[in-house]
Structure formats: structure tokens, C-alpha cells
Amino acid sequence: MAIILLVEDDPVSRRAIAAFLRMTGYEVYEAEDGEAALRLLSRMPFDFVISDLNLPGRLNGIDVLAALRAQRRKVDAILITGNGSRETRDEVRSLGAVYMEKPVQLEEIERTIQLKANG
């Protein structure tokens, strides 16, 4: 099963999503901001990154995706936001990631992971 990095600053949301994905059989690592995400990404080979757009600190979810792409790493990704816009959606898609607006159903996240994994 896939190894997932979940980047979410809200601890309640992060724990809920991580618990659901673990129950579904995934190995999940958690980061609360973009800097922590990049540290984990530099140490481990993840199959999937799920990130909130708005994160504390100097890096947001798009910055995390852009860093992945700059490293030319083939990692599937989902970016989730409660403050969506057409520009954000287009930027996320240009980085090869799936764009989702909150509220997102956990089953929708899992279904997207399955679709990406099965190609």
C-alpha cells in the first residue's frame, strides 16, 4: 500500500484524515507545516502527498508541490483548500496535482488515491 505524507496544520483535521487513511491500509506520516513537510520529503520516498493550501510559516501547499516538481520527483498529490479560486485551481493542476475544495469527504480522498495508484 502507498506511503502518504499528510500536510495539515489543523490537528483535529490532520488526525481524522490520518486515522481514516491508516484504517484503509495506508502508511501515513504527518506534517503540520510546509517546512516540516519538506524535511520529511527529503528523507523518505512518499507515493502520495496530501496538503492543505494554507499552512503556517513561510511555505504553503503550493510551495510544497512546487518543491516536489523542482526536484523532479514523481509523487502524486492532492491539494485541499477552503479558500479556493480559479487561479489556485489552475496553478495546482499545472503542477500535476488534484485540486479539492473543503469540505472534502474522506472517501473522495481515498478514491482519488486509488485512481492515481491504478493509473
C-alpha atoms as a PDB file:
ATOM      1  CA  MET A   1       0.000   0.000   0.000  1.00  0.00           C
ATOM      2  CA  ALA A   2       1.096   3.563  -0.624  1.00  0.00           C
ATOM      3  CA  ILE A   3       3.120   5.716   1.760  1.00  0.00           C
ATOM      4  CA  ILE A   4       1.382   9.073   2.211  1.00  0.00           C
ATOM      5  CA  LEU A   5       2.547  12.418   3.583  1.00  0.00           C
ATOM      6  CA  LEU A   6      -0.337  14.418   5.040  1.00  0.00           C
ATOM      7  CA  VAL A   7       0.347  18.147   5.488  1.00  0.00           C
ATOM      8  CA  GLU A   8      -2.352  19.867   7.554  1.00  0.00           C
ATOM      9  CA  ASP A   9      -1.983  22.496  10.249  1.00  0.00           C
ATOM     10  CA  ASP A  10      -5.311  21.820  11.966  1.00  0.00           C
ATOM     11  CA  PRO A  11      -4.581  18.961  14.401  1.00  0.00           C
ATOM     12  CA  VAL A  12      -8.186  17.722  14.528  1.00  0.00           C
ATOM     13  CA  SER A  13      -8.462  17.512  10.736  1.00  0.00           C
ATOM     14  CA  ARG A  14      -4.987  16.013  10.420  1.00  0.00           C
ATOM     15  CA  ARG A  15      -5.701  13.274  12.971  1.00  0.00           C
ATOM     16  CA  ALA A  16      -9.085  12.456  11.410  1.00  0.00           C
ATOM     17  CA  ILE A  17      -7.724  12.174   7.864  1.00  0.00           C
ATOM     18  CA  ALA A  18      -4.653  10.226   9.004  1.00  0.00           C
ATOM     19  CA  ALA A  19      -6.746   7.795  11.079  1.00  0.00           C
ATOM     20  CA  PHE A  20      -9.099   7.176   8.144  1.00  0.00           C
ATOM     21  CA  LEU A  21      -6.229   6.551   5.732  1.00  0.00           C
ATOM     22  CA  ARG A  22      -4.485   4.221   8.193  1.00  0.00           C
ATOM     23  CA  MET A  23      -7.708   2.241   8.653  1.00  0.00           C
ATOM     24  CA  THR A  24      -7.871   1.966   4.868  1.00  0.00           C
ATOM     25  CA  GLY A  25      -4.401   0.400   4.885  1.00  0.00           C
ATOM     26  CA  TYR A  26      -2.056   3.259   4.055  1.00  0.00           C
ATOM     27  CA  GLU A  27       1.134   4.175   5.871  1.00  0.00           C
ATOM     28  CA  VAL A  28       0.705   7.857   6.812  1.00  0.00           C
ATOM     29  CA  TYR A  29       3.232  10.420   8.006  1.00  0.00           C
ATOM     30  CA  GLU A  30       2.062  13.787   9.264  1.00  0.00           C
ATOM     31  CA  ALA A  31       3.447  17.325   8.999  1.00  0.00           C
ATOM     32  CA  GLU A  32       1.868  20.479  10.397  1.00  0.00           C
ATOM     33  CA  ASP A  33       3.560  22.963   8.053  1.00  0.00           C
ATOM     34  CA  GLY A  34       5.423  23.221   4.773  1.00  0.00           C
ATOM     35  CA  GLU A  35       8.871  23.264   6.340  1.00  0.00           C
ATOM     36  CA  ALA A  36       8.215  20.002   8.228  1.00  0.00           C
ATOM     37  CA  ALA A  37       6.808  18.507   5.010  1.00  0.00           C
ATOM     38  CA  LEU A  38       9.959  19.319   3.045  1.00  0.00           C
ATOM     39  CA  ARG A  39      12.131  17.814   5.795  1.00  0.00           C
ATOM     40  CA  LEU A  40      10.146  14.562   5.616  1.00  0.00           C
ATOM     41  CA  LEU A  41      10.174  14.592   1.824  1.00  0.00           C
ATOM     42  CA  SER A  42      13.968  14.897   1.837  1.00  0.00           C
ATOM     43  CA  ARG A  43      14.278  11.771   3.996  1.00  0.00           C
ATOM     44  CA  MET A  44      11.607   9.410   2.691  1.00  0.00           C
ATOM     45  CA  PRO A  45      10.185   8.214  -0.616  1.00  0.00           C
ATOM     46  CA  PHE A  46       6.479   9.053  -0.498  1.00  0.00           C
ATOM     47  CA  ASP A  47       3.984   7.793  -3.055  1.00  0.00           C
ATOM     48  CA  PHE A  48       1.435  10.499  -2.341  1.00  0.00           C
ATOM     49  CA  VAL A  49       1.256  13.953  -0.742  1.00  0.00           C
ATOM     50  CA  ILE A  50      -1.987  15.412   0.560  1.00  0.00           C
ATOM     51  CA  SER A  51      -1.639  19.041   1.590  1.00  0.00           C
ATOM     52  CA  ASP A  52      -3.797  21.867   2.774  1.00  0.00           C
ATOM     53  CA  LEU A  53      -3.220  25.101   0.852  1.00  0.00           C
ATOM     54  CA  ASN A  54      -2.977  27.468   3.804  1.00  0.00           C
ATOM     55  CA  LEU A  55      -0.223  26.442   6.185  1.00  0.00           C
ATOM     56  CA  PRO A  56       1.564  28.355   8.934  1.00  0.00           C
ATOM     57  CA  GLY A  57       5.106  29.530   8.264  1.00  0.00           C
ATOM     58  CA  ARG A  58       6.624  30.679   5.028  1.00  0.00           C
ATOM     59  CA  LEU A  59       5.569  27.747   2.800  1.00  0.00           C
ATOM     60  CA  ASN A  60       2.024  26.956   1.712  1.00  0.00           C
ATOM     61  CA  GLY A  61       0.719  23.833  -0.004  1.00  0.00           C
ATOM     62  CA  ILE A  62       1.546  25.124  -3.487  1.00  0.00           C
ATOM     63  CA  ASP A  63       5.119  25.799  -2.351  1.00  0.00           C
ATOM     64  CA  VAL A  64       5.376  22.167  -1.193  1.00  0.00           C
ATOM     65  CA  LEU A  65       4.082  20.926  -4.565  1.00  0.00           C
ATOM     66  CA  ALA A  66       6.405  23.258  -6.458  1.00  0.00           C
ATOM     67  CA  ALA A  67       9.391  21.994  -4.435  1.00  0.00           C
ATOM     68  CA  LEU A  68       8.457  18.404  -5.327  1.00  0.00           C
ATOM     69  CA  ARG A  69       8.245  19.264  -9.010  1.00  0.00           C
ATOM     70  CA  ALA A  70      11.509  21.239  -8.896  1.00  0.00           C
ATOM     71  CA  GLN A  71      13.186  18.088  -7.558  1.00  0.00           C
ATOM     72  CA  ARG A  72      11.596  16.207 -10.479  1.00  0.00           C
ATOM     73  CA  ARG A  73      10.100  13.705  -8.077  1.00  0.00           C
ATOM     74  CA  LYS A  74       7.212  11.635  -9.347  1.00  0.00           C
ATOM     75  CA  VAL A  75       4.840  11.924  -6.422  1.00  0.00           C
ATOM     76  CA  ASP A  76       1.087  12.110  -6.868  1.00  0.00           C
ATOM     77  CA  ALA A  77      -0.545  14.885  -4.872  1.00  0.00           C
ATOM     78  CA  ILE A  78      -3.822  16.366  -3.713  1.00  0.00           C
ATOM     79  CA  LEU A  79      -4.132  19.953  -2.588  1.00  0.00           C
ATOM     80  CA  ILE A  80      -7.128  20.797  -0.419  1.00  0.00           C
ATOM     81  CA  THR A  81      -8.377  24.296   0.301  1.00  0.00           C
ATOM     82  CA  GLY A  82     -11.248  26.087   1.909  1.00  0.00           C
ATOM     83  CA  ASN A  83     -10.311  29.293   0.073  1.00  0.00           C
ATOM     84  CA  GLY A  84     -10.489  28.150  -3.499  1.00  0.00           C
ATOM     85  CA  SER A  85     -10.221  30.248  -6.608  1.00  0.00           C
ATOM     86  CA  ARG A  86      -9.917  29.570 -10.305  1.00  0.00           C
ATOM     87  CA  GLU A  87      -6.307  30.802 -10.227  1.00  0.00           C
ATOM     88  CA  THR A  88      -5.402  28.454  -7.371  1.00  0.00           C
ATOM     89  CA  ARG A  89      -7.103  25.528  -9.092  1.00  0.00           C
ATOM     90  CA  ASP A  90      -5.241  26.236 -12.340  1.00  0.00           C
ATOM     91  CA  GLU A  91      -1.889  26.568 -10.549  1.00  0.00           C
ATOM     92  CA  VAL A  92      -2.409  23.301  -8.653  1.00  0.00           C
ATOM     93  CA  ARG A  93      -3.361  21.479 -11.843  1.00  0.00           C
ATOM     94  CA  SER A  94      -0.349  22.946 -13.688  1.00  0.00           C
ATOM     95  CA  LEU A  95       1.802  21.300 -11.000  1.00  0.00           C
ATOM     96  CA  GLY A  96       0.162  17.966 -11.812  1.00  0.00           C
ATOM     97  CA  ALA A  97      -1.860  17.718  -8.605  1.00  0.00           C
ATOM     98  CA  VAL A  98      -5.528  17.116  -7.900  1.00  0.00           C
ATOM     99  CA  TYR A  99      -7.404  20.148  -6.554  1.00  0.00           C
ATOM    100  CA  MET A 100     -10.169  19.696  -3.958  1.00  0.00           C
ATOM    101  CA  GLU A 101     -12.248  22.251  -2.096  1.00  0.00           C
ATOM    102  CA  LYS A 102     -13.396  21.813   1.501  1.00  0.00           C
ATOM    103  CA  PRO A 103     -15.426  20.236   2.802  1.00  0.00           C
ATOM    104  CA  VAL A 104     -13.918  17.095   1.326  1.00  0.00           C
ATOM    105  CA  GLN A 105     -15.302  13.653   2.037  1.00  0.00           C
ATOM    106  CA  LEU A 106     -12.677  11.197   3.272  1.00  0.00           C
ATOM    107  CA  GLU A 107     -13.934   8.632   0.785  1.00  0.00           C
ATOM    108  CA  GLU A 108     -13.273  11.109  -2.036  1.00  0.00           C
ATOM    109  CA  ILE A 109      -9.630  11.410  -0.949  1.00  0.00           C
ATOM    110  CA  GLU A 110      -9.254   7.636  -0.786  1.00  0.00           C
ATOM    111  CA  ARG A 111     -10.965   7.174  -4.167  1.00  0.00           C
ATOM    112  CA  THR A 112      -8.560   9.711  -5.728  1.00  0.00           C
ATOM    113  CA  ILE A 113      -5.552   7.894  -4.260  1.00  0.00           C
ATOM    114  CA  GLN A 114      -6.853   4.608  -5.699  1.00  0.00           C
ATOM    115  CA  LEU A 115      -7.418   6.145  -9.142  1.00  0.00           C
ATOM    116  CA  LYS A 116      -3.912   7.605  -9.207  1.00  0.00           C
ATOM    117  CA  ALA A 117      -2.349   4.385  -7.938  1.00  0.00           C
ATOM    118  CA  ASN A 118      -4.101   2.342 -10.607  1.00  0.00           C
ATOM    119  CA  GLY A 119      -3.111   4.765 -13.237  1.00  0.00           C
END
